[in-house]
Amino acid sequence: MGQQLLPVHLVVGDDEFLAERARHTIIAAINKTIGSDVPVTTLRAGEVNASELIQLTSPSLFGEDRIIVLTNMEDAGKEPAELVLNVAVDPAPGIYLIIVHSGGGRQKALVPKLSKISEVHEANKLKPKDRVGWVTNEFKRHGVRPTPDVVHALLEGVGSDLRELASAIGQLVADNNGDVTLATVRDYYVGVAEVSGFDVADLACSGQTQRAVASARRALQLGVSPVALAAALSMKVSAIARLYSTRGRIDSRKLAGELGMHPFVVEKTAKVARMWTGNAVSQAVILMANVDSSLKGHGLDGELGGDPDYEIEDAIRKISELAG
């Protein structure tokens, strides 16, 4: 955010979370500058008509400030796009315009035009190689400097969704007074590291049947749901299915970009995946699809009958045998 608050802001990029965060940051800055909460009106750019836009962006008789948020600018038709551009060129006093654009779509050509007359806020999806830096900076936003193992553990445990990562980081920092260690990250999600759904999946997919089953039973005792365990196991099987055919030295960063996985996870999974055969992978994928469907059919309380705990334990045994 610049030192001088401009009346027109363009949030451009295809990451919904980053765009939403940028929008909230802009609104907070406007409120701080004005000294009070400014009324906010949010509209889809493609649905606004001329009279409505003129009314919203005209000066108030009482000199009241207003924030107009126009979303989905990329989907707007020709007329709405021209209306928005005309308003953005010369907004009335007290009117703050926030335009949200994915950067593509039918109105892609509008981006450079709006960029010339607004403050631009980037909200592009991160490349896999940039996630470590983003997580590190997210911790720093909360006054914490994380170690690399903490960052990697969080990415492995939470995944690549920025909204979920931001939420996890905020809660970790708040609940632990900023003292976030590798053990803290592992303990936070599962109570004890030995019973993480991801750890159970690692054990099962590497053929360690007894340890996998014992860990799964402990996880269930501590309240981890069969559905959560199945989700972790499905993710691991899916990753193996994408990596089992790789041989020799791999370019983890290149593969991470192609597969949408973190390089750390690619390297770890590739080692295990080489144990698997094509036939075993096919059987595992089919098995987990059936297990996922069955467990979700039970509902939260298993009201449709059967034993979800037994189902997931049986699946873990079968996956482990396939890995062996």
C-alpha atoms as a PDB file:
ATOM      1  CA  MET A   1       0.000   0.000   0.000  1.00  0.00           C
ATOM      2  CA  GLY A   2       1.490   3.331  -1.008  1.00  0.00           C
ATOM      3  CA  GLN A   3       1.984   6.250   1.375  1.00  0.00           C
ATOM      4  CA  GLN A   4      -0.641   8.263  -0.489  1.00  0.00           C
ATOM      5  CA  LEU A   5      -3.967   6.443  -0.599  1.00  0.00           C
ATOM      6  CA  LEU A   6      -5.288   6.431  -4.156  1.00  0.00           C
ATOM      7  CA  PRO A   7      -9.036   6.345  -4.873  1.00  0.00           C
ATOM      8  CA  VAL A   8      -8.825   3.488  -7.394  1.00  0.00           C
ATOM      9  CA  HIS A   9      -7.336   0.079  -6.665  1.00  0.00           C
ATOM     10  CA  LEU A  10      -6.929  -2.860  -9.039  1.00  0.00           C
ATOM     11  CA  VAL A  11      -6.600  -6.315  -7.503  1.00  0.00           C
ATOM     12  CA  VAL A  12      -5.376  -8.542 -10.320  1.00  0.00           C
ATOM     13  CA  GLY A  13      -4.677 -12.263 -10.174  1.00  0.00           C
ATOM     14  CA  ASP A  14      -6.334 -15.664 -10.163  1.00  0.00           C
ATOM     15  CA  ASP A  15      -5.833 -16.642  -6.523  1.00  0.00           C
ATOM     16  CA  GLU A  16      -9.129 -16.116  -4.727  1.00  0.00           C
ATOM     17  CA  PHE A  17      -7.597 -16.011  -1.252  1.00  0.00           C
ATOM     18  CA  LEU A  18      -4.870 -13.510  -2.130  1.00  0.00           C
ATOM     19  CA  ALA A  19      -7.407 -11.323  -3.937  1.00  0.00           C
ATOM     20  CA  GLU A  20      -9.706 -11.431  -0.928  1.00  0.00           C
ATOM     21  CA  ARG A  21      -6.852 -10.568   1.414  1.00  0.00           C
ATOM     22  CA  ALA A  22      -5.782  -7.659  -0.787  1.00  0.00           C
ATOM     23  CA  ARG A  23      -9.336  -6.341  -0.822  1.00  0.00           C
ATOM     24  CA  HIS A  24      -9.587  -6.464   2.973  1.00  0.00           C
ATOM     25  CA  THR A  25      -6.177  -4.808   3.315  1.00  0.00           C
ATOM     26  CA  ILE A  26      -7.238  -1.941   1.042  1.00  0.00           C
ATOM     27  CA  ILE A  27     -10.506  -1.431   2.930  1.00  0.00           C
ATOM     28  CA  ALA A  28      -8.654  -1.436   6.254  1.00  0.00           C
ATOM     29  CA  ALA A  29      -6.221   1.182   4.944  1.00  0.00           C
ATOM     30  CA  ILE A  30      -9.074   3.390   3.741  1.00  0.00           C
ATOM     31  CA  ASN A  31     -10.836   3.113   7.099  1.00  0.00           C
ATOM     32  CA  LYS A  32      -7.617   3.996   8.892  1.00  0.00           C
ATOM     33  CA  THR A  33      -7.082   7.031   6.677  1.00  0.00           C
ATOM     34  CA  ILE A  34     -10.662   8.247   7.076  1.00  0.00           C
ATOM     35  CA  GLY A  35     -10.740   7.466  10.783  1.00  0.00           C
ATOM     36  CA  SER A  36     -13.973   5.474  10.693  1.00  0.00           C
ATOM     37  CA  ASP A  37     -15.584   2.473   8.986  1.00  0.00           C
ATOM     38  CA  VAL A  38     -16.534   3.495   5.466  1.00  0.00           C
ATOM     39  CA  PRO A  39     -19.684   1.858   3.986  1.00  0.00           C
ATOM     40  CA  VAL A  40     -18.816  -0.882   1.479  1.00  0.00           C
ATOM     41  CA  THR A  41     -20.945  -1.950  -1.494  1.00  0.00           C
ATOM     42  CA  THR A  42     -19.879  -5.095  -3.370  1.00  0.00           C
ATOM     43  CA  LEU A  43     -21.154  -5.898  -6.867  1.00  0.00           C
ATOM     44  CA  ARG A  44     -20.270  -8.258  -9.703  1.00  0.00           C
ATOM     45  CA  ALA A  45     -18.941  -6.097 -12.530  1.00  0.00           C
ATOM     46  CA  GLY A  46     -20.921  -7.948 -15.177  1.00  0.00           C
ATOM     47  CA  GLU A  47     -24.232  -7.377 -13.402  1.00  0.00           C
ATOM     48  CA  VAL A  48     -24.011  -3.651 -12.728  1.00  0.00           C
ATOM     49  CA  ASN A  49     -25.934  -1.287 -15.030  1.00  0.00           C
ATOM     50  CA  ALA A  50     -25.251   2.326 -15.922  1.00  0.00           C
ATOM     51  CA  SER A  51     -27.830   3.949 -13.634  1.00  0.00           C
ATOM     52  CA  GLU A  52     -26.787   1.825 -10.669  1.00  0.00           C
ATOM     53  CA  LEU A  53     -23.104   2.589 -11.143  1.00  0.00           C
ATOM     54  CA  ILE A  54     -23.755   6.310 -11.585  1.00  0.00           C
ATOM     55  CA  GLN A  55     -25.815   6.381  -8.412  1.00  0.00           C
ATOM     56  CA  LEU A  56     -23.204   4.517  -6.402  1.00  0.00           C
ATOM     57  CA  THR A  57     -20.285   6.606  -7.621  1.00  0.00           C
ATOM     58  CA  SER A  58     -21.905  10.047  -7.468  1.00  0.00           C
ATOM     59  CA  PRO A  59     -20.857  12.440  -4.689  1.00  0.00           C
ATOM     60  CA  SER A  60     -22.999  12.209  -1.568  1.00  0.00           C
ATOM     61  CA  LEU A  61     -25.080  15.247  -0.582  1.00  0.00           C
ATOM     62  CA  PHE A  62     -23.646  14.916   2.919  1.00  0.00           C
ATOM     63  CA  GLY A  63     -20.089  14.341   1.776  1.00  0.00           C
ATOM     64  CA  GLU A  64     -20.015  10.727   2.964  1.00  0.00           C
ATOM     65  CA  ASP A  65     -17.175   8.471   1.856  1.00  0.00           C
ATOM     66  CA  ARG A  66     -18.017   5.195   0.118  1.00  0.00           C
ATOM     67  CA  ILE A  67     -16.137   2.098  -1.013  1.00  0.00           C
ATOM     68  CA  ILE A  68     -17.360   0.340  -4.157  1.00  0.00           C
ATOM     69  CA  VAL A  69     -15.980  -3.161  -4.764  1.00  0.00           C
ATOM     70  CA  LEU A  70     -16.484  -4.530  -8.277  1.00  0.00           C
ATOM     71  CA  THR A  71     -15.643  -8.233  -8.524  1.00  0.00           C
ATOM     72  CA  ASN A  72     -15.251 -10.596 -11.491  1.00  0.00           C
ATOM     73  CA  MET A  73     -14.215  -7.798 -13.805  1.00  0.00           C
ATOM     74  CA  GLU A  74     -12.865 -10.395 -16.250  1.00  0.00           C
ATOM     75  CA  ASP A  75     -16.410 -11.617 -16.978  1.00  0.00           C
ATOM     76  CA  ALA A  76     -17.983  -8.212 -17.584  1.00  0.00           C
ATOM     77  CA  GLY A  77     -19.594  -7.410 -20.920  1.00  0.00           C
ATOM     78  CA  LYS A  78     -18.482  -4.539 -23.151  1.00  0.00           C
ATOM     79  CA  GLU A  79     -20.900  -1.947 -21.732  1.00  0.00           C
ATOM     80  CA  PRO A  80     -20.244  -2.631 -18.015  1.00  0.00           C
ATOM     81  CA  ALA A  81     -16.493  -2.660 -18.708  1.00  0.00           C
ATOM     82  CA  GLU A  82     -16.656   0.750 -20.373  1.00  0.00           C
ATOM     83  CA  LEU A  83     -18.766   2.110 -17.514  1.00  0.00           C
ATOM     84  CA  VAL A  84     -16.269   0.948 -14.917  1.00  0.00           C
ATOM     85  CA  LEU A  85     -13.326   2.332 -16.869  1.00  0.00           C
ATOM     86  CA  ASN A  86     -15.017   5.731 -17.241  1.00  0.00           C
ATOM     87  CA  VAL A  87     -15.728   5.896 -13.517  1.00  0.00           C
ATOM     88  CA  ALA A  88     -12.185   4.807 -12.657  1.00  0.00           C
ATOM     89  CA  VAL A  89     -10.652   7.541 -14.803  1.00  0.00           C
ATOM     90  CA  ASP A  90     -12.194  10.294 -12.692  1.00  0.00           C
ATOM     91  CA  PRO A  91     -13.861   9.074  -9.474  1.00  0.00           C
ATOM     92  CA  ALA A  92     -15.883  11.593  -7.482  1.00  0.00           C
ATOM     93  CA  PRO A  93     -14.472  12.930  -4.185  1.00  0.00           C
ATOM     94  CA  GLY A  94     -14.986  10.479  -1.333  1.00  0.00           C
ATOM     95  CA  ILE A  95     -15.486   7.508  -3.663  1.00  0.00           C
ATOM     96  CA  TYR A  96     -13.014   4.638  -3.402  1.00  0.00           C
ATOM     97  CA  LEU A  97     -13.125   2.028  -6.148  1.00  0.00           C
ATOM     98  CA  ILE A  98     -11.713  -1.496  -5.728  1.00  0.00           C
ATOM     99  CA  ILE A  99     -11.754  -3.496  -8.964  1.00  0.00           C
ATOM    100  CA  VAL A 100     -11.069  -7.231  -8.757  1.00  0.00           C
ATOM    101  CA  HIS A 101      -9.856  -8.874 -11.990  1.00  0.00           C
ATOM    102  CA  SER A 102      -8.435 -12.378 -12.517  1.00  0.00           C
ATOM    103  CA  GLY A 103      -6.097 -11.092 -15.200  1.00  0.00           C
ATOM    104  CA  GLY A 104      -7.706 -13.176 -17.951  1.00  0.00           C
ATOM    105  CA  GLY A 105     -11.166 -13.659 -19.415  1.00  0.00           C
ATOM    106  CA  ARG A 106     -12.980 -11.599 -22.011  1.00  0.00           C
ATOM    107  CA  GLN A 107     -11.844  -8.342 -20.409  1.00  0.00           C
ATOM    108  CA  LYS A 108      -8.135  -9.187 -20.262  1.00  0.00           C
ATOM    109  CA  ALA A 109      -7.369  -6.058 -22.300  1.00  0.00           C
ATOM    110  CA  LEU A 110      -8.849  -3.929 -19.523  1.00  0.00           C
ATOM    111  CA  VAL A 111      -6.008  -4.760 -17.120  1.00  0.00           C
ATOM    112  CA  PRO A 112      -3.301  -2.508 -18.655  1.00  0.00           C
ATOM    113  CA  LYS A 113      -5.800   0.344 -18.999  1.00  0.00           C
ATOM    114  CA  LEU A 114      -6.849   0.127 -15.356  1.00  0.00           C
ATOM    115  CA  SER A 115      -3.250  -0.364 -14.227  1.00  0.00           C
ATOM    116  CA  LYS A 116      -2.344   3.089 -15.532  1.00  0.00           C
ATOM    117  CA  ILE A 117      -4.946   4.840 -13.365  1.00  0.00           C
ATOM    118  CA  SER A 118      -4.908   2.765 -10.193  1.00  0.00           C
ATOM    119  CA  GLU A 119      -2.777   1.249  -7.489  1.00  0.00           C
ATOM    120  CA  VAL A 120      -2.181  -2.363  -8.505  1.00  0.00           C
ATOM    121  CA  HIS A 121      -2.237  -5.262  -6.030  1.00  0.00           C
ATOM    122  CA  GLU A 122      -0.972  -8.615  -7.357  1.00  0.00           C
ATOM    123  CA  ALA A 123      -2.954 -11.737  -6.428  1.00  0.00           C
ATOM    124  CA  ASN A 124      -1.569 -14.412  -8.729  1.00  0.00           C
ATOM    125  CA  LYS A 125      -1.491 -18.074  -7.763  1.00  0.00           C
ATOM    126  CA  LEU A 126       1.853 -19.097  -6.352  1.00  0.00           C
ATOM    127  CA  LYS A 127       4.188 -21.414  -8.189  1.00  0.00           C
ATOM    128  CA  PRO A 128       5.233 -24.483  -6.153  1.00  0.00           C
ATOM    129  CA  LYS A 129       8.752 -23.098  -5.764  1.00  0.00           C
ATOM    130  CA  ASP A 130       7.354 -19.946  -4.118  1.00  0.00           C
ATOM    131  CA  ARG A 131       5.279 -21.656  -1.407  1.00  0.00           C
ATOM    132  CA  VAL A 132       8.149 -22.019   1.057  1.00  0.00           C
ATOM    133  CA  GLY A 133       8.829 -18.297   0.846  1.00  0.00           C
ATOM    134  CA  TRP A 134       5.149 -17.460   1.199  1.00  0.00           C
ATOM    135  CA  VAL A 135       4.721 -19.619   4.309  1.00  0.00           C
ATOM    136  CA  THR A 136       7.882 -18.126   5.803  1.00  0.00           C
ATOM    137  CA  ASN A 137       6.599 -14.598   5.195  1.00  0.00           C
ATOM    138  CA  GLU A 138       3.172 -15.520   6.564  1.00  0.00           C
ATOM    139  CA  PHE A 139       4.812 -16.547   9.830  1.00  0.00           C
ATOM    140  CA  LYS A 140       6.743 -13.259   9.820  1.00  0.00           C
ATOM    141  CA  ARG A 141       3.441 -11.375   9.510  1.00  0.00           C
ATOM    142  CA  HIS A 142       2.709 -12.802  12.951  1.00  0.00           C
ATOM    143  CA  GLY A 143       6.145 -11.884  14.303  1.00  0.00           C
ATOM    144  CA  VAL A 144       7.588 -15.408  14.054  1.00  0.00           C
ATOM    145  CA  ARG A 145      10.694 -16.517  12.151  1.00  0.00           C
ATOM    146  CA  PRO A 146      10.144 -20.210  11.364  1.00  0.00           C
ATOM    147  CA  THR A 147      12.884 -22.765  10.784  1.00  0.00           C
ATOM    148  CA  PRO A 148      12.905 -24.598   7.423  1.00  0.00           C
ATOM    149  CA  ASP A 149      11.745 -27.866   9.004  1.00  0.00           C
ATOM    150  CA  VAL A 150       8.687 -26.118  10.447  1.00  0.00           C
ATOM    151  CA  VAL A 151       7.817 -24.684   7.032  1.00  0.00           C
ATOM    152  CA  HIS A 152       8.221 -28.031   5.254  1.00  0.00           C
ATOM    153  CA  ALA A 153       6.237 -29.894   7.913  1.00  0.00           C
ATOM    154  CA  LEU A 154       3.375 -27.427   7.612  1.00  0.00           C
ATOM    155  CA  LEU A 155       3.313 -27.671   3.825  1.00  0.00           C
ATOM    156  CA  GLU A 156       3.373 -31.448   3.998  1.00  0.00           C
ATOM    157  CA  GLY A 157       0.653 -31.577   6.626  1.00  0.00           C
ATOM    158  CA  VAL A 158      -1.680 -28.859   5.365  1.00  0.00           C
ATOM    159  CA  GLY A 159      -1.032 -28.831   1.622  1.00  0.00           C
ATOM    160  CA  SER A 160      -0.827 -25.969  -0.865  1.00  0.00           C
ATOM    161  CA  ASP A 161      -4.125 -24.170  -0.224  1.00  0.00           C
ATOM    162  CA  LEU A 162      -3.110 -20.684   0.928  1.00  0.00           C
ATOM    163  CA  ARG A 163      -6.292 -20.053   2.872  1.00  0.00           C
ATOM    164  CA  GLU A 164      -5.777 -23.225   4.907  1.00  0.00           C
ATOM    165  CA  LEU A 165      -2.089 -22.474   5.376  1.00  0.00           C
ATOM    166  CA  ALA A 166      -2.799 -18.933   6.576  1.00  0.00           C
ATOM    167  CA  SER A 167      -5.429 -20.202   8.999  1.00  0.00           C
ATOM    168  CA  ALA A 168      -3.101 -22.898  10.313  1.00  0.00           C
ATOM    169  CA  ILE A 169      -0.237 -20.449  10.802  1.00  0.00           C
ATOM    170  CA  GLY A 170      -2.433 -17.930  12.603  1.00  0.00           C
ATOM    171  CA  GLN A 171      -3.757 -20.573  14.955  1.00  0.00           C
ATOM    172  CA  LEU A 172      -0.342 -22.143  15.587  1.00  0.00           C
ATOM    173  CA  VAL A 173       1.155 -18.785  16.505  1.00  0.00           C
ATOM    174  CA  ALA A 174      -1.795 -17.744  18.680  1.00  0.00           C
ATOM    175  CA  ASP A 175      -2.093 -21.027  20.543  1.00  0.00           C
ATOM    176  CA  ASN A 176       1.625 -21.362  21.208  1.00  0.00           C
ATOM    177  CA  ASN A 177       2.527 -17.723  21.925  1.00  0.00           C
ATOM    178  CA  GLY A 178       4.739 -17.616  18.852  1.00  0.00           C
ATOM    179  CA  ASP A 179       6.847 -20.616  19.902  1.00  0.00           C
ATOM    180  CA  VAL A 180       6.266 -22.828  16.858  1.00  0.00           C
ATOM    181  CA  THR A 181       8.579 -25.837  16.513  1.00  0.00           C
ATOM    182  CA  LEU A 182       8.540 -28.969  14.360  1.00  0.00           C
ATOM    183  CA  ALA A 183       7.049 -30.914  17.259  1.00  0.00           C
ATOM    184  CA  THR A 184       4.430 -28.206  17.717  1.00  0.00           C
ATOM    185  CA  VAL A 185       3.317 -28.450  14.088  1.00  0.00           C
ATOM    186  CA  ARG A 186       2.989 -32.222  14.272  1.00  0.00           C
ATOM    187  CA  ASP A 187       1.342 -32.270  17.675  1.00  0.00           C
ATOM    188  CA  TYR A 188      -1.084 -29.526  16.757  1.00  0.00           C
ATOM    189  CA  TYR A 189      -2.901 -31.445  14.068  1.00  0.00           C
ATOM    190  CA  VAL A 190      -3.070 -34.913  15.522  1.00  0.00           C
ATOM    191  CA  GLY A 191      -2.332 -34.752  19.240  1.00  0.00           C
ATOM    192  CA  VAL A 192       0.864 -36.803  18.840  1.00  0.00           C
ATOM    193  CA  ALA A 193       3.090 -37.035  15.805  1.00  0.00           C
ATOM    194  CA  GLU A 194       2.938 -40.837  15.666  1.00  0.00           C
ATOM    195  CA  VAL A 195      -0.744 -40.804  14.801  1.00  0.00           C
ATOM    196  CA  SER A 196      -0.925 -38.226  12.053  1.00  0.00           C
ATOM    197  CA  GLY A 197      -3.117 -39.351   9.190  1.00  0.00           C
ATOM    198  CA  PHE A 198      -0.172 -38.553   6.924  1.00  0.00           C
ATOM    199  CA  ASP A 199       2.184 -40.640   9.053  1.00  0.00           C
ATOM    200  CA  VAL A 200      -0.257 -43.562   8.971  1.00  0.00           C
ATOM    201  CA  ALA A 201      -0.414 -43.210   5.190  1.00  0.00           C
ATOM    202  CA  ASP A 202       3.395 -43.126   4.962  1.00  0.00           C
ATOM    203  CA  LEU A 203       3.663 -46.323   7.000  1.00  0.00           C
ATOM    204  CA  ALA A 204       0.969 -48.123   5.019  1.00  0.00           C
ATOM    205  CA  CYS A 205       2.313 -47.113   1.622  1.00  0.00           C
ATOM    206  CA  SER A 206       5.823 -48.228   2.545  1.00  0.00           C
ATOM    207  CA  GLY A 207       4.592 -51.684   3.553  1.00  0.00           C
ATOM    208  CA  GLN A 208       4.941 -51.327   7.334  1.00  0.00           C
ATOM    209  CA  THR A 209       1.663 -53.061   8.122  1.00  0.00           C
ATOM    210  CA  GLN A 210       1.908 -53.577  11.885  1.00  0.00           C
ATOM    211  CA  ARG A 211       3.086 -50.031  12.594  1.00  0.00           C
ATOM    212  CA  ALA A 212       0.489 -48.550  10.249  1.00  0.00           C
ATOM    213  CA  VAL A 213      -2.385 -50.458  11.867  1.00  0.00           C
ATOM    214  CA  ALA A 214      -1.185 -49.678  15.401  1.00  0.00           C
ATOM    215  CA  SER A 215      -0.846 -45.978  14.572  1.00  0.00           C
ATOM    216  CA  ALA A 216      -4.279 -45.917  12.946  1.00  0.00           C
ATOM    217  CA  ARG A 217      -5.870 -47.466  16.031  1.00  0.00           C
ATOM    218  CA  ARG A 218      -4.176 -44.882  18.244  1.00  0.00           C
ATOM    219  CA  ALA A 219      -5.330 -42.076  15.942  1.00  0.00           C
ATOM    220  CA  LEU A 220      -8.918 -43.297  16.108  1.00  0.00           C
ATOM    221  CA  GLN A 221      -8.709 -43.433  19.916  1.00  0.00           C
ATOM    222  CA  LEU A 222      -7.554 -39.819  19.969  1.00  0.00           C
ATOM    223  CA  GLY A 223     -10.490 -38.709  17.838  1.00  0.00           C
ATOM    224  CA  VAL A 224      -9.086 -38.674  14.310  1.00  0.00           C
ATOM    225  CA  SER A 225     -12.013 -39.677  12.088  1.00  0.00           C
ATOM    226  CA  PRO A 226     -11.904 -42.640   9.674  1.00  0.00           C
ATOM    227  CA  VAL A 227     -12.757 -40.189   6.879  1.00  0.00           C
ATOM    228  CA  ALA A 228      -9.679 -38.077   7.723  1.00  0.00           C
ATOM    229  CA  LEU A 229      -7.447 -41.156   7.742  1.00  0.00           C
ATOM    230  CA  ALA A 230      -8.916 -42.271   4.422  1.00  0.00           C
ATOM    231  CA  ALA A 231      -8.315 -38.817   2.932  1.00  0.00           C
ATOM    232  CA  ALA A 232      -4.638 -38.911   3.932  1.00  0.00           C
ATOM    233  CA  LEU A 233      -4.264 -42.443   2.572  1.00  0.00           C
ATOM    234  CA  SER A 234      -5.990 -41.485  -0.696  1.00  0.00           C
ATOM    235  CA  MET A 235      -3.695 -38.488  -1.132  1.00  0.00           C
ATOM    236  CA  LYS A 236      -0.644 -40.698  -0.633  1.00  0.00           C
ATOM    237  CA  VAL A 237      -1.888 -43.355  -3.055  1.00  0.00           C
ATOM    238  CA  SER A 238      -2.693 -40.658  -5.620  1.00  0.00           C
ATOM    239  CA  ALA A 239       0.815 -39.207  -5.283  1.00  0.00           C
ATOM    240  CA  ILE A 240       2.356 -42.654  -5.710  1.00  0.00           C
ATOM    241  CA  ALA A 241       0.228 -43.245  -8.802  1.00  0.00           C
ATOM    242  CA  ARG A 242       1.735 -40.136 -10.340  1.00  0.00           C
ATOM    243  CA  LEU A 243       5.319 -40.940  -9.364  1.00  0.00           C
ATOM    244  CA  TYR A 244       5.785 -44.717  -9.362  1.00  0.00           C
ATOM    245  CA  SER A 245       7.097 -44.810 -12.938  1.00  0.00           C
ATOM    246  CA  THR A 246       9.911 -42.315 -12.262  1.00  0.00           C
ATOM    247  CA  ARG A 247      13.374 -43.846 -12.192  1.00  0.00           C
ATOM    248  CA  GLY A 248      16.833 -42.541 -11.465  1.00  0.00           C
ATOM    249  CA  ARG A 249      17.537 -39.008 -10.352  1.00  0.00           C
ATOM    250  CA  ILE A 250      14.501 -36.740 -10.445  1.00  0.00           C
ATOM    251  CA  ASP A 251      14.094 -32.995 -10.767  1.00  0.00           C
ATOM    252  CA  SER A 252      11.834 -32.460  -7.751  1.00  0.00           C
ATOM    253  CA  ARG A 253      11.195 -28.806  -8.535  1.00  0.00           C
ATOM    254  CA  LYS A 254      10.155 -29.521 -12.120  1.00  0.00           C
ATOM    255  CA  LEU A 255       7.950 -32.429 -11.068  1.00  0.00           C
ATOM    256  CA  ALA A 256       6.462 -30.336  -8.275  1.00  0.00           C
ATOM    257  CA  GLY A 257       5.281 -27.793 -10.814  1.00  0.00           C
ATOM    258  CA  GLU A 258       3.841 -30.461 -13.104  1.00  0.00           C
ATOM    259  CA  LEU A 259       2.100 -32.384 -10.331  1.00  0.00           C
ATOM    260  CA  GLY A 260       1.035 -29.519  -8.082  1.00  0.00           C
ATOM    261  CA  MET A 261       3.023 -30.939  -5.168  1.00  0.00           C
ATOM    262  CA  HIS A 262       5.732 -29.458  -2.966  1.00  0.00           C
ATOM    263  CA  PRO A 263       9.313 -30.481  -3.938  1.00  0.00           C
ATOM    264  CA  PHE A 264       9.852 -31.846  -0.427  1.00  0.00           C
ATOM    265  CA  VAL A 265       6.797 -34.105  -0.825  1.00  0.00           C
ATOM    266  CA  VAL A 266       7.853 -35.156  -4.343  1.00  0.00           C
ATOM    267  CA  GLU A 267      11.268 -36.353  -3.138  1.00  0.00           C
ATOM    268  CA  LYS A 268       9.811 -38.187  -0.154  1.00  0.00           C
ATOM    269  CA  THR A 269       7.045 -39.850  -2.155  1.00  0.00           C
ATOM    270  CA  ALA A 270       9.235 -40.794  -5.130  1.00  0.00           C
ATOM    271  CA  LYS A 271      11.418 -42.992  -2.915  1.00  0.00           C
ATOM    272  CA  VAL A 272       8.383 -44.931  -1.684  1.00  0.00           C
ATOM    273  CA  ALA A 273       6.695 -45.006  -5.092  1.00  0.00           C
ATOM    274  CA  ARG A 274       9.573 -46.982  -6.618  1.00  0.00           C
ATOM    275  CA  MET A 275       8.556 -49.946  -4.442  1.00  0.00           C
ATOM    276  CA  TRP A 276       5.233 -50.177  -6.227  1.00  0.00           C
ATOM    277  CA  THR A 277       4.239 -52.000  -9.421  1.00  0.00           C
ATOM    278  CA  GLY A 278       1.733 -50.727 -11.948  1.00  0.00           C
ATOM    279  CA  ASN A 279      -0.744 -53.456 -11.049  1.00  0.00           C
ATOM    280  CA  ALA A 280      -0.477 -52.689  -7.329  1.00  0.00           C
ATOM    281  CA  VAL A 281      -1.000 -48.982  -7.971  1.00  0.00           C
ATOM    282  CA  SER A 282      -4.140 -49.683 -10.008  1.00  0.00           C
ATOM    283  CA  GLN A 283      -5.556 -51.904  -7.270  1.00  0.00           C
ATOM    284  CA  ALA A 284      -4.761 -49.303  -4.598  1.00  0.00           C
ATOM    285  CA  VAL A 285      -6.457 -46.487  -6.524  1.00  0.00           C
ATOM    286  CA  ILE A 286      -9.620 -48.568  -6.997  1.00  0.00           C
ATOM    287  CA  LEU A 287      -9.565 -49.686  -3.367  1.00  0.00           C
ATOM    288  CA  MET A 288      -9.313 -46.133  -2.022  1.00  0.00           C
ATOM    289  CA  ALA A 289     -12.073 -44.884  -4.329  1.00  0.00           C
ATOM    290  CA  ASN A 290     -14.369 -47.565  -2.898  1.00  0.00           C
ATOM    291  CA  VAL A 291     -13.287 -46.860   0.685  1.00  0.00           C
ATOM    292  CA  ASP A 292     -13.817 -43.106   0.321  1.00  0.00           C
ATOM    293  CA  SER A 293     -17.275 -43.645  -1.124  1.00  0.00           C
ATOM    294  CA  SER A 294     -18.228 -46.149   1.562  1.00  0.00           C
ATOM    295  CA  LEU A 295     -16.984 -44.060   4.491  1.00  0.00           C
ATOM    296  CA  LYS A 296     -18.696 -40.903   3.271  1.00  0.00           C
ATOM    297  CA  GLY A 297     -21.876 -42.935   2.868  1.00  0.00           C
ATOM    298  CA  HIS A 298     -21.794 -43.820   6.548  1.00  0.00           C
ATOM    299  CA  GLY A 299     -22.207 -40.139   7.473  1.00  0.00           C
ATOM    300  CA  LEU A 300     -20.602 -38.583  10.527  1.00  0.00           C
ATOM    301  CA  ASP A 301     -22.077 -41.116  12.926  1.00  0.00           C
ATOM    302  CA  GLY A 302     -22.052 -44.233  10.751  1.00  0.00           C
ATOM    303  CA  GLU A 303     -25.841 -44.225  10.693  1.00  0.00           C
ATOM    304  CA  LEU A 304     -26.046 -46.396   7.576  1.00  0.00           C
ATOM    305  CA  GLY A 305     -24.585 -49.376   9.397  1.00  0.00           C
ATOM    306  CA  GLY A 306     -21.206 -51.071   9.193  1.00  0.00           C
ATOM    307  CA  ASP A 307     -18.056 -50.153  11.086  1.00  0.00           C
ATOM    308  CA  PRO A 308     -16.050 -47.217   9.676  1.00  0.00           C
ATOM    309  CA  ASP A 309     -13.137 -47.950  12.044  1.00  0.00           C
ATOM    310  CA  TYR A 310     -12.890 -51.505  10.739  1.00  0.00           C
ATOM    311  CA  GLU A 311     -13.169 -50.331   7.131  1.00  0.00           C
ATOM    312  CA  ILE A 312     -10.255 -47.939   7.367  1.00  0.00           C
ATOM    313  CA  GLU A 313      -8.115 -50.462   9.255  1.00  0.00           C
ATOM    314  CA  ASP A 314      -8.853 -53.083   6.603  1.00  0.00           C
ATOM    315  CA  ALA A 315      -7.954 -50.594   3.870  1.00  0.00           C
ATOM    316  CA  ILE A 316      -4.663 -49.795   5.602  1.00  0.00           C
ATOM    317  CA  ARG A 317      -3.798 -53.495   5.769  1.00  0.00           C
ATOM    318  CA  LYS A 318      -4.604 -54.038   2.096  1.00  0.00           C
ATOM    319  CA  ILE A 319      -2.672 -50.959   0.940  1.00  0.00           C
ATOM    320  CA  SER A 320       0.318 -52.034   3.013  1.00  0.00           C
ATOM    321  CA  GLU A 321       0.211 -55.527   1.501  1.00  0.00           C
ATOM    322  CA  LEU A 322       0.099 -54.043  -1.987  1.00  0.00           C
ATOM    323  CA  ALA A 323       3.143 -51.932  -1.140  1.00  0.00           C
ATOM    324  CA  GLY A 324       5.035 -54.985   0.070  1.00  0.00           C
END
